[in-house]
Amino acid sequence: MAVELYKFYKDRVIPALQAKHGYSNIHQVPKVNKVVVNTCVNANTDVKQGLEDAKAEISLITGQKPAETRSKKSIANFKLRQHQPIGAKVTLRGPRMYEFLERLIKTALPRIRDFRGVSHRAFDGNGNYTLGVSDQSIFPEVELDKVKRNIGFDITIVTSATTNEEAKSLLSELGMPFSDKAKRVQKKADEAAA
């Protein structure tokens, strides 16, 4: 079963990126390697119940069982002990990754109230993009009347691109709705230079 977004990547995105960046070999074209969904629970509340809720929500959203993340060191001010379970994460690859990305881009992000696009500055310099989601209810799988607490999480899209420009081209071609603020800033800079 081929995911629609993967077919779109093979049929449309690869030729578009080859034309734009002048790749001579198809294997030079950047691709999405993995998507990591990560969350952390508040240490002041009931950590065990919060962790179970977070795991259940991430499992429902991604379709994969999350792994627990543990604290690396003790911090007294946060009432945190070393190796205490504090979060959960899922690493998606292959068809599940493309299916999750498709739901994120086409369904979840447009459901955010007053959505004007995602930031174009959240690249790490090595071609990876991190997006913060403050509420899990933007995903259609989550039933609103069963939500006990708001769980925010980070979504990191790891690509094989070596620069931010290549990664942004890849994600734009896949349909990631970047804000048009960068275009407005560039247009103003071009007008000032002219």
N, C-alpha and C. Protein backbone atom coordinates (compact mmCIF):
# COMPACT_ATOMS: atom_id res chain seq x y z
N MET A 1 0.85 -1.18 0.00
CA MET A 1 0.00 0.00 0.00
C MET A 1 0.89 1.24 0.00
N ALA A 2 0.84 1.98 -1.08
CA ALA A 2 1.64 3.20 -1.18
C ALA A 2 0.84 4.38 -0.66
N VAL A 3 1.46 5.20 0.16
CA VAL A 3 0.80 6.38 0.70
C VAL A 3 0.78 7.46 -0.37
N GLU A 4 -0.30 8.22 -0.39
CA GLU A 4 -0.50 9.25 -1.41
C GLU A 4 0.64 10.29 -1.42
N LEU A 5 1.09 10.70 -0.25
CA LEU A 5 2.16 11.70 -0.18
C LEU A 5 3.48 11.14 -0.73
N TYR A 6 3.74 9.84 -0.52
CA TYR A 6 4.95 9.24 -1.07
C TYR A 6 4.89 9.19 -2.59
N LYS A 7 3.73 8.84 -3.13
CA LYS A 7 3.57 8.85 -4.60
C LYS A 7 3.78 10.25 -5.14
N PHE A 8 3.22 11.25 -4.44
CA PHE A 8 3.38 12.65 -4.84
C PHE A 8 4.86 13.04 -4.82
N TYR A 9 5.59 12.58 -3.79
CA TYR A 9 7.03 12.86 -3.69
C TYR A 9 7.76 12.28 -4.88
N LYS A 10 7.48 11.01 -5.21
CA LYS A 10 8.18 10.34 -6.32
C LYS A 10 7.83 10.98 -7.66
N ASP A 11 6.54 11.30 -7.88
CA ASP A 11 6.08 11.77 -9.19
C ASP A 11 6.32 13.26 -9.42
N ARG A 12 6.12 14.08 -8.41
CA ARG A 12 6.16 15.53 -8.61
C ARG A 12 7.32 16.24 -7.91
N VAL A 13 7.59 15.86 -6.67
CA VAL A 13 8.58 16.60 -5.87
C VAL A 13 10.00 16.36 -6.39
N ILE A 14 10.35 15.12 -6.69
CA ILE A 14 11.71 14.82 -7.16
C ILE A 14 12.03 15.57 -8.45
N PRO A 15 11.16 15.53 -9.50
CA PRO A 15 11.47 16.31 -10.70
C PRO A 15 11.53 17.82 -10.46
N ALA A 16 10.64 18.33 -9.60
CA ALA A 16 10.64 19.77 -9.30
C ALA A 16 11.93 20.19 -8.61
N LEU A 17 12.39 19.39 -7.64
CA LEU A 17 13.64 19.73 -6.94
C LEU A 17 14.86 19.57 -7.84
N GLN A 18 14.82 18.58 -8.75
CA GLN A 18 15.93 18.42 -9.69
C GLN A 18 16.02 19.64 -10.60
N ALA A 19 14.89 20.14 -11.05
CA ALA A 19 14.88 21.31 -11.92
C ALA A 19 15.33 22.57 -11.17
N LYS A 20 14.87 22.71 -9.93
CA LYS A 20 15.17 23.92 -9.16
C LYS A 20 16.62 24.00 -8.71
N HIS A 21 17.17 22.87 -8.22
CA HIS A 21 18.52 22.89 -7.65
C HIS A 21 19.58 22.29 -8.57
N GLY A 22 19.17 21.74 -9.70
CA GLY A 22 20.11 21.22 -10.67
C GLY A 22 20.82 19.95 -10.25
N TYR A 23 20.12 19.06 -9.55
CA TYR A 23 20.72 17.78 -9.17
C TYR A 23 20.89 16.91 -10.41
N SER A 24 22.08 16.34 -10.60
CA SER A 24 22.31 15.49 -11.76
C SER A 24 21.86 14.06 -11.51
N ASN A 25 21.86 13.66 -10.25
CA ASN A 25 21.51 12.29 -9.89
C ASN A 25 20.26 12.32 -9.00
N ILE A 26 19.38 11.36 -9.20
CA ILE A 26 18.14 11.30 -8.42
C ILE A 26 18.41 11.08 -6.93
N HIS A 27 19.54 10.47 -6.60
CA HIS A 27 19.87 10.20 -5.21
C HIS A 27 20.40 11.43 -4.47
N GLN A 28 20.66 12.52 -5.19
CA GLN A 28 21.06 13.77 -4.55
C GLN A 28 19.86 14.54 -4.03
N VAL A 29 18.67 14.22 -4.52
CA VAL A 29 17.46 14.93 -4.13
C VAL A 29 17.18 14.64 -2.65
N PRO A 30 16.97 15.69 -1.84
CA PRO A 30 16.71 15.46 -0.42
C PRO A 30 15.38 14.73 -0.21
N LYS A 31 15.32 13.98 0.89
CA LYS A 31 14.10 13.26 1.23
C LYS A 31 13.91 13.33 2.74
N VAL A 32 12.71 12.98 3.19
CA VAL A 32 12.43 12.94 4.62
C VAL A 32 12.89 11.59 5.13
N ASN A 33 13.81 11.59 6.10
CA ASN A 33 14.32 10.34 6.66
C ASN A 33 13.43 9.80 7.77
N LYS A 34 13.02 10.70 8.69
CA LYS A 34 12.18 10.28 9.80
C LYS A 34 11.46 11.48 10.40
N VAL A 35 10.43 11.19 11.15
CA VAL A 35 9.69 12.21 11.89
C VAL A 35 9.65 11.77 13.34
N VAL A 36 10.06 12.66 14.25
CA VAL A 36 10.07 12.35 15.68
C VAL A 36 9.03 13.22 16.37
N VAL A 37 8.11 12.58 17.07
CA VAL A 37 7.08 13.28 17.85
C VAL A 37 7.45 13.09 19.32
N ASN A 38 7.63 14.20 20.04
CA ASN A 38 8.16 14.17 21.39
C ASN A 38 7.29 15.03 22.30
N THR A 39 7.03 14.56 23.52
CA THR A 39 6.30 15.35 24.49
C THR A 39 6.91 15.16 25.87
N CYS A 40 6.64 16.11 26.75
CA CYS A 40 7.13 16.06 28.12
C CYS A 40 5.99 16.48 29.04
N VAL A 41 5.86 15.84 30.20
CA VAL A 41 4.77 16.17 31.10
C VAL A 41 5.27 17.09 32.21
N ASN A 42 4.35 17.83 32.78
CA ASN A 42 4.66 18.78 33.84
C ASN A 42 4.97 18.01 35.12
N ALA A 43 6.08 18.31 35.76
CA ALA A 43 6.50 17.58 36.96
C ALA A 43 5.68 17.97 38.18
N ASN A 44 4.99 19.11 38.16
CA ASN A 44 4.24 19.55 39.33
C ASN A 44 2.92 18.80 39.49
N THR A 45 2.35 18.32 38.40
CA THR A 45 1.09 17.59 38.48
C THR A 45 1.37 16.10 38.71
N ASP A 46 0.33 15.31 38.65
CA ASP A 46 0.47 13.86 38.80
C ASP A 46 1.21 13.32 37.58
N VAL A 47 2.50 13.03 37.75
CA VAL A 47 3.37 12.66 36.64
C VAL A 47 2.94 11.34 36.01
N LYS A 48 2.62 10.34 36.83
CA LYS A 48 2.26 9.03 36.29
C LYS A 48 1.03 9.11 35.40
N GLN A 49 -0.02 9.77 35.91
CA GLN A 49 -1.25 9.87 35.12
C GLN A 49 -1.03 10.74 33.89
N GLY A 50 -0.28 11.82 34.04
CA GLY A 50 0.02 12.69 32.90
C GLY A 50 0.80 11.96 31.82
N LEU A 51 1.73 11.13 32.26
CA LEU A 51 2.54 10.35 31.31
C LEU A 51 1.68 9.33 30.57
N GLU A 52 0.77 8.68 31.28
CA GLU A 52 -0.12 7.71 30.64
C GLU A 52 -1.04 8.40 29.63
N ASP A 53 -1.56 9.58 29.99
CA ASP A 53 -2.41 10.34 29.06
C ASP A 53 -1.62 10.75 27.82
N ALA A 54 -0.38 11.22 28.03
CA ALA A 54 0.46 11.64 26.90
C ALA A 54 0.77 10.47 25.99
N LYS A 55 1.09 9.31 26.57
CA LYS A 55 1.37 8.12 25.76
C LYS A 55 0.15 7.71 24.95
N ALA A 56 -1.02 7.74 25.58
CA ALA A 56 -2.25 7.35 24.89
C ALA A 56 -2.54 8.29 23.72
N GLU A 57 -2.37 9.60 23.95
CA GLU A 57 -2.64 10.58 22.89
C GLU A 57 -1.65 10.44 21.73
N ILE A 58 -0.37 10.30 22.04
CA ILE A 58 0.64 10.17 20.97
C ILE A 58 0.43 8.87 20.20
N SER A 59 0.08 7.82 20.92
CA SER A 59 -0.18 6.54 20.27
C SER A 59 -1.37 6.65 19.33
N LEU A 60 -2.40 7.36 19.75
CA LEU A 60 -3.60 7.55 18.92
C LEU A 60 -3.28 8.39 17.69
N ILE A 61 -2.49 9.43 17.87
CA ILE A 61 -2.17 10.35 16.76
C ILE A 61 -1.24 9.71 15.74
N THR A 62 -0.21 8.99 16.23
CA THR A 62 0.81 8.47 15.31
C THR A 62 0.55 7.04 14.85
N GLY A 63 -0.24 6.28 15.61
CA GLY A 63 -0.47 4.89 15.25
C GLY A 63 0.68 3.98 15.64
N GLN A 64 1.51 4.43 16.58
CA GLN A 64 2.68 3.66 17.00
C GLN A 64 2.86 3.84 18.51
N LYS A 65 3.30 2.78 19.17
CA LYS A 65 3.49 2.85 20.62
C LYS A 65 4.69 3.71 20.97
N PRO A 66 4.52 4.72 21.85
CA PRO A 66 5.64 5.59 22.20
C PRO A 66 6.58 4.97 23.21
N ALA A 67 7.81 5.45 23.20
CA ALA A 67 8.82 5.05 24.18
C ALA A 67 8.91 6.12 25.26
N GLU A 68 9.15 5.69 26.49
CA GLU A 68 9.31 6.65 27.58
C GLU A 68 10.64 7.35 27.48
N THR A 69 10.66 8.63 27.81
CA THR A 69 11.92 9.35 27.95
C THR A 69 12.13 9.63 29.43
N ARG A 70 13.38 9.59 29.86
CA ARG A 70 13.69 9.75 31.28
C ARG A 70 14.64 10.94 31.47
N SER A 71 14.59 11.52 32.66
CA SER A 71 15.45 12.67 32.95
C SER A 71 16.90 12.22 33.04
N LYS A 72 17.80 13.08 32.61
CA LYS A 72 19.22 12.74 32.61
C LYS A 72 19.88 13.06 33.95
N LYS A 73 19.37 14.09 34.64
CA LYS A 73 19.97 14.44 35.93
C LYS A 73 18.90 14.97 36.88
N SER A 74 19.23 15.06 38.13
CA SER A 74 18.30 15.55 39.14
C SER A 74 18.33 17.07 39.19
N ILE A 75 17.14 17.66 39.30
CA ILE A 75 17.02 19.11 39.46
C ILE A 75 16.03 19.35 40.60
N ALA A 76 16.54 19.83 41.73
CA ALA A 76 15.72 19.97 42.94
C ALA A 76 14.59 20.98 42.76
N ASN A 77 14.86 22.09 42.07
CA ASN A 77 13.84 23.13 41.88
C ASN A 77 12.62 22.62 41.12
N PHE A 78 12.82 21.64 40.25
CA PHE A 78 11.71 21.08 39.47
C PHE A 78 11.18 19.79 40.09
N LYS A 79 11.69 19.43 41.25
CA LYS A 79 11.33 18.17 41.92
C LYS A 79 11.53 16.99 40.97
N LEU A 80 12.68 16.98 40.36
CA LEU A 80 13.00 15.99 39.34
C LEU A 80 14.18 15.15 39.80
N ARG A 81 14.02 13.83 39.72
CA ARG A 81 15.10 12.92 40.08
C ARG A 81 15.70 12.32 38.81
N GLN A 82 16.94 11.91 38.92
CA GLN A 82 17.62 11.29 37.78
C GLN A 82 16.91 9.99 37.39
N HIS A 83 16.77 9.78 36.08
CA HIS A 83 16.15 8.59 35.48
C HIS A 83 14.64 8.49 35.75
N GLN A 84 14.02 9.60 36.15
CA GLN A 84 12.57 9.60 36.37
C GLN A 84 11.87 9.73 35.01
N PRO A 85 10.81 8.94 34.74
CA PRO A 85 10.09 9.07 33.47
C PRO A 85 9.40 10.43 33.39
N ILE A 86 9.69 11.20 32.33
CA ILE A 86 9.12 12.54 32.22
C ILE A 86 8.45 12.82 30.88
N GLY A 87 8.55 11.90 29.93
CA GLY A 87 7.96 12.17 28.63
C GLY A 87 7.85 10.93 27.78
N ALA A 88 7.43 11.15 26.54
CA ALA A 88 7.28 10.04 25.59
C ALA A 88 7.65 10.54 24.21
N LYS A 89 8.16 9.61 23.38
CA LYS A 89 8.49 9.99 22.02
C LYS A 89 8.24 8.82 21.07
N VAL A 90 7.98 9.18 19.81
CA VAL A 90 7.76 8.19 18.76
C VAL A 90 8.62 8.60 17.58
N THR A 91 9.31 7.64 16.97
CA THR A 91 10.07 7.88 15.75
C THR A 91 9.37 7.15 14.62
N LEU A 92 8.92 7.92 13.63
CA LEU A 92 8.18 7.36 12.50
C LEU A 92 9.07 7.30 11.27
N ARG A 93 9.01 6.17 10.57
CA ARG A 93 9.75 6.01 9.32
C ARG A 93 8.85 5.30 8.33
N GLY A 94 9.20 5.39 7.05
CA GLY A 94 8.51 4.65 6.01
C GLY A 94 7.07 5.10 5.78
N PRO A 95 6.18 4.17 5.47
CA PRO A 95 4.79 4.54 5.14
C PRO A 95 4.07 5.26 6.27
N ARG A 96 4.32 4.86 7.54
CA ARG A 96 3.67 5.54 8.67
C ARG A 96 4.09 7.00 8.74
N MET A 97 5.35 7.26 8.44
CA MET A 97 5.86 8.63 8.46
C MET A 97 5.15 9.48 7.41
N TYR A 98 5.05 8.96 6.18
CA TYR A 98 4.40 9.71 5.11
C TYR A 98 2.91 9.91 5.40
N GLU A 99 2.28 8.89 5.98
CA GLU A 99 0.86 9.01 6.31
C GLU A 99 0.65 10.07 7.40
N PHE A 100 1.55 10.10 8.41
CA PHE A 100 1.46 11.10 9.46
C PHE A 100 1.70 12.50 8.90
N LEU A 101 2.72 12.65 8.06
CA LEU A 101 3.01 13.96 7.46
C LEU A 101 1.83 14.46 6.62
N GLU A 102 1.20 13.55 5.88
CA GLU A 102 0.05 13.93 5.07
C GLU A 102 -1.09 14.44 5.94
N ARG A 103 -1.36 13.74 7.05
CA ARG A 103 -2.43 14.19 7.96
C ARG A 103 -2.06 15.52 8.62
N LEU A 104 -0.78 15.68 8.97
CA LEU A 104 -0.32 16.92 9.60
C LEU A 104 -0.50 18.10 8.65
N ILE A 105 -0.04 17.95 7.41
CA ILE A 105 -0.05 19.06 6.45
C ILE A 105 -1.45 19.37 5.94
N LYS A 106 -2.21 18.35 5.60
CA LYS A 106 -3.51 18.57 4.95
C LYS A 106 -4.67 18.72 5.90
N THR A 107 -4.58 18.14 7.10
CA THR A 107 -5.73 18.15 8.00
C THR A 107 -5.48 18.90 9.30
N ALA A 108 -4.40 18.57 10.00
CA ALA A 108 -4.19 19.10 11.35
C ALA A 108 -3.82 20.58 11.36
N LEU A 109 -2.81 20.97 10.58
CA LEU A 109 -2.37 22.38 10.62
C LEU A 109 -3.47 23.36 10.19
N PRO A 110 -4.25 23.07 9.14
CA PRO A 110 -5.32 24.00 8.80
C PRO A 110 -6.41 24.13 9.86
N ARG A 111 -6.48 23.20 10.81
CA ARG A 111 -7.49 23.26 11.87
C ARG A 111 -7.10 24.19 13.01
N ILE A 112 -5.87 24.70 13.00
CA ILE A 112 -5.43 25.63 14.05
C ILE A 112 -6.16 26.95 13.85
N ARG A 113 -6.69 27.48 14.95
CA ARG A 113 -7.42 28.74 14.88
C ARG A 113 -6.48 29.88 14.48
N ASP A 114 -6.92 30.74 13.58
CA ASP A 114 -6.14 31.88 13.06
C ASP A 114 -4.80 31.44 12.50
N PHE A 115 -4.80 30.35 11.75
CA PHE A 115 -3.55 29.79 11.21
C PHE A 115 -3.09 30.61 10.01
N ARG A 116 -1.85 31.09 10.07
CA ARG A 116 -1.29 31.88 8.97
C ARG A 116 -0.05 31.23 8.39
N GLY A 117 0.17 29.98 8.68
CA GLY A 117 1.35 29.27 8.18
C GLY A 117 2.33 29.01 9.31
N VAL A 118 3.24 28.07 9.05
CA VAL A 118 4.27 27.74 10.04
C VAL A 118 5.50 28.61 9.79
N SER A 119 6.30 28.78 10.81
CA SER A 119 7.48 29.63 10.72
C SER A 119 8.51 29.04 9.76
N HIS A 120 9.15 29.92 9.02
CA HIS A 120 10.21 29.49 8.10
C HIS A 120 11.58 29.54 8.77
N ARG A 121 11.63 29.88 10.06
CA ARG A 121 12.90 30.02 10.78
C ARG A 121 13.24 28.82 11.66
N ALA A 122 12.41 27.80 11.69
CA ALA A 122 12.60 26.71 12.65
C ALA A 122 13.51 25.60 12.12
N PHE A 123 14.39 25.94 11.18
CA PHE A 123 15.36 24.97 10.69
C PHE A 123 16.61 25.03 11.56
N ASP A 124 17.33 23.92 11.69
CA ASP A 124 18.46 23.87 12.60
C ASP A 124 19.81 24.12 11.95
N GLY A 125 19.84 24.41 10.66
CA GLY A 125 21.11 24.64 9.97
C GLY A 125 21.61 23.41 9.24
N ASN A 126 21.07 22.25 9.57
CA ASN A 126 21.47 21.00 8.93
C ASN A 126 20.34 20.38 8.12
N GLY A 127 19.29 21.14 7.85
CA GLY A 127 18.21 20.64 7.02
C GLY A 127 17.09 19.96 7.78
N ASN A 128 17.04 20.11 9.10
CA ASN A 128 15.96 19.51 9.89
C ASN A 128 15.01 20.61 10.36
N TYR A 129 13.73 20.28 10.48
CA TYR A 129 12.71 21.27 10.83
C TYR A 129 11.95 20.81 12.06
N THR A 130 11.77 21.72 13.04
CA THR A 130 11.03 21.39 14.26
C THR A 130 9.83 22.32 14.38
N LEU A 131 8.70 21.71 14.66
CA LEU A 131 7.43 22.42 14.74
C LEU A 131 6.80 22.12 16.09
N GLY A 132 6.39 23.13 16.81
CA GLY A 132 5.73 22.93 18.10
C GLY A 132 4.22 22.98 17.94
N VAL A 133 3.54 22.01 18.53
CA VAL A 133 2.08 21.97 18.52
C VAL A 133 1.63 22.10 19.97
N SER A 134 0.81 23.10 20.25
CA SER A 134 0.44 23.37 21.64
C SER A 134 -0.76 22.57 22.11
N ASP A 135 -1.48 21.94 21.20
CA ASP A 135 -2.71 21.24 21.59
C ASP A 135 -2.93 20.04 20.68
N GLN A 136 -3.22 18.89 21.25
CA GLN A 136 -3.39 17.69 20.45
C GLN A 136 -4.74 17.63 19.74
N SER A 137 -5.66 18.53 20.06
CA SER A 137 -7.01 18.46 19.50
C SER A 137 -7.07 18.87 18.03
N ILE A 138 -5.96 19.34 17.44
CA ILE A 138 -6.00 19.68 16.01
C ILE A 138 -6.02 18.43 15.15
N PHE A 139 -5.66 17.28 15.72
CA PHE A 139 -5.71 16.03 14.96
C PHE A 139 -7.12 15.45 15.02
N PRO A 140 -7.65 15.03 13.89
CA PRO A 140 -9.04 14.54 13.86
C PRO A 140 -9.27 13.24 14.63
N GLU A 141 -8.20 12.48 14.94
CA GLU A 141 -8.36 11.23 15.67
C GLU A 141 -8.73 11.46 17.13
N VAL A 142 -8.39 12.63 17.65
CA VAL A 142 -8.61 12.92 19.07
C VAL A 142 -10.06 13.37 19.25
N GLU A 143 -10.77 12.67 20.14
CA GLU A 143 -12.14 13.04 20.46
C GLU A 143 -12.10 14.11 21.55
N LEU A 144 -12.70 15.25 21.27
CA LEU A 144 -12.59 16.41 22.17
C LEU A 144 -13.20 16.15 23.54
N ASP A 145 -14.28 15.37 23.61
CA ASP A 145 -14.91 15.16 24.91
C ASP A 145 -14.13 14.17 25.78
N LYS A 146 -13.15 13.46 25.21
CA LYS A 146 -12.34 12.53 25.99
C LYS A 146 -11.00 13.12 26.41
N VAL A 147 -10.72 14.37 26.01
CA VAL A 147 -9.44 15.01 26.35
C VAL A 147 -9.45 15.41 27.83
N LYS A 148 -8.50 14.89 28.60
CA LYS A 148 -8.41 15.21 30.03
C LYS A 148 -7.54 16.43 30.27
N ARG A 149 -6.47 16.56 29.49
CA ARG A 149 -5.55 17.69 29.64
C ARG A 149 -4.93 18.00 28.29
N ASN A 150 -4.57 19.26 28.09
CA ASN A 150 -3.91 19.64 26.84
C ASN A 150 -2.47 19.15 26.87
N ILE A 151 -2.09 18.47 25.81
CA ILE A 151 -0.74 17.95 25.71
C ILE A 151 -0.08 18.57 24.49
N GLY A 152 0.95 19.34 24.71
CA GLY A 152 1.70 19.92 23.61
C GLY A 152 2.86 19.01 23.25
N PHE A 153 3.29 19.07 22.01
CA PHE A 153 4.43 18.25 21.63
C PHE A 153 5.19 18.89 20.49
N ASP A 154 6.41 18.39 20.29
CA ASP A 154 7.28 18.86 19.22
C ASP A 154 7.29 17.81 18.13
N ILE A 155 7.27 18.28 16.89
CA ILE A 155 7.37 17.39 15.73
C ILE A 155 8.64 17.80 15.00
N THR A 156 9.62 16.90 14.94
CA THR A 156 10.87 17.17 14.25
C THR A 156 10.91 16.37 12.97
N ILE A 157 11.08 17.05 11.85
CA ILE A 157 11.16 16.41 10.54
C ILE A 157 12.63 16.37 10.16
N VAL A 158 13.20 15.18 10.13
CA VAL A 158 14.62 14.99 9.82
C VAL A 158 14.74 14.67 8.33
N THR A 159 15.47 15.49 7.60
CA THR A 159 15.63 15.29 6.16
C THR A 159 17.08 14.97 5.82
N SER A 160 17.29 14.53 4.58
CA SER A 160 18.65 14.26 4.13
C SER A 160 19.28 15.50 3.51
N ALA A 161 18.58 16.63 3.53
CA ALA A 161 19.11 17.88 2.99
C ALA A 161 20.28 18.36 3.85
N THR A 162 21.23 19.03 3.22
CA THR A 162 22.39 19.51 3.95
C THR A 162 22.27 20.98 4.34
N THR A 163 21.38 21.72 3.68
CA THR A 163 21.20 23.14 4.00
C THR A 163 19.73 23.42 4.29
N ASN A 164 19.49 24.55 4.94
CA ASN A 164 18.12 24.96 5.24
C ASN A 164 17.32 25.24 3.96
N GLU A 165 17.98 25.80 2.94
CA GLU A 165 17.28 26.13 1.70
C GLU A 165 16.76 24.87 1.00
N GLU A 166 17.60 23.83 0.96
CA GLU A 166 17.17 22.57 0.35
C GLU A 166 16.02 21.96 1.13
N ALA A 167 16.12 21.99 2.45
CA ALA A 167 15.06 21.41 3.29
C ALA A 167 13.76 22.20 3.13
N LYS A 168 13.86 23.52 3.07
CA LYS A 168 12.65 24.32 2.89
C LYS A 168 12.02 24.06 1.53
N SER A 169 12.84 23.91 0.49
CA SER A 169 12.31 23.58 -0.83
C SER A 169 11.58 22.25 -0.79
N LEU A 170 12.18 21.26 -0.13
CA LEU A 170 11.57 19.94 -0.03
C LEU A 170 10.22 20.01 0.68
N LEU A 171 10.19 20.65 1.86
CA LEU A 171 8.95 20.72 2.62
C LEU A 171 7.90 21.57 1.91
N SER A 172 8.32 22.63 1.23
CA SER A 172 7.36 23.45 0.47
C SER A 172 6.73 22.64 -0.66
N GLU A 173 7.55 21.88 -1.35
CA GLU A 173 7.02 21.04 -2.44
C GLU A 173 6.08 19.96 -1.91
N LEU A 174 6.34 19.47 -0.70
CA LEU A 174 5.46 18.47 -0.10
C LEU A 174 4.15 19.09 0.38
N GLY A 175 4.10 20.43 0.46
CA GLY A 175 2.86 21.10 0.83
C GLY A 175 2.86 21.75 2.20
N MET A 176 4.00 21.82 2.87
CA MET A 176 4.06 22.45 4.18
C MET A 176 3.68 23.92 4.05
N PRO A 177 2.67 24.39 4.78
CA PRO A 177 2.20 25.76 4.62
C PRO A 177 3.04 26.78 5.39
N PHE A 178 4.16 27.19 4.80
CA PHE A 178 4.99 28.21 5.44
C PHE A 178 4.28 29.55 5.37
N SER A 179 4.52 30.39 6.38
CA SER A 179 3.88 31.71 6.40
C SER A 179 4.45 32.56 5.28
N ASP A 180 3.63 33.46 4.78
CA ASP A 180 4.08 34.31 3.68
C ASP A 180 4.85 35.52 4.19
N LYS A 181 5.17 35.55 5.49
CA LYS A 181 5.92 36.66 6.06
C LYS A 181 7.30 36.78 5.40
N ALA A 182 7.93 35.66 5.12
CA ALA A 182 9.25 35.68 4.49
C ALA A 182 9.16 36.29 3.10
N LYS A 183 8.09 35.99 2.38
CA LYS A 183 7.91 36.56 1.04
C LYS A 183 7.73 38.08 1.11
N ARG A 184 6.95 38.53 2.13
CA ARG A 184 6.74 39.97 2.28
C ARG A 184 8.04 40.68 2.62
N VAL A 185 8.85 40.08 3.51
CA VAL A 185 10.14 40.68 3.90
C VAL A 185 11.07 40.74 2.69
N GLN A 186 11.11 39.66 1.91
CA GLN A 186 11.96 39.62 0.72
C GLN A 186 11.50 40.66 -0.30
N LYS A 187 10.19 40.81 -0.46
CA LYS A 187 9.65 41.79 -1.41
C LYS A 187 10.03 43.21 -0.99
N LYS A 188 9.93 43.50 0.32
CA LYS A 188 10.33 44.82 0.82
C LYS A 188 11.82 45.07 0.59
N ALA A 189 12.64 44.04 0.80
CA ALA A 189 14.09 44.18 0.59
C ALA A 189 14.39 44.43 -0.89
N ASP A 190 13.67 43.73 -1.77
CA ASP A 190 13.86 43.94 -3.21
C ASP A 190 13.44 45.34 -3.62
N GLU A 191 12.33 45.84 -3.05
CA GLU A 191 11.85 47.18 -3.38
C GLU A 191 12.84 48.24 -2.88
N ALA A 192 13.41 48.01 -1.70
CA ALA A 192 14.38 48.97 -1.14
C ALA A 192 15.65 49.00 -1.96
N ALA A 193 16.05 47.85 -2.48
CA ALA A 193 17.27 47.77 -3.28
C ALA A 193 17.09 48.42 -4.65
N ALA A 194 15.86 48.43 -5.16
CA ALA A 194 15.59 48.97 -6.49
C ALA A 194 15.53 50.48 -6.54
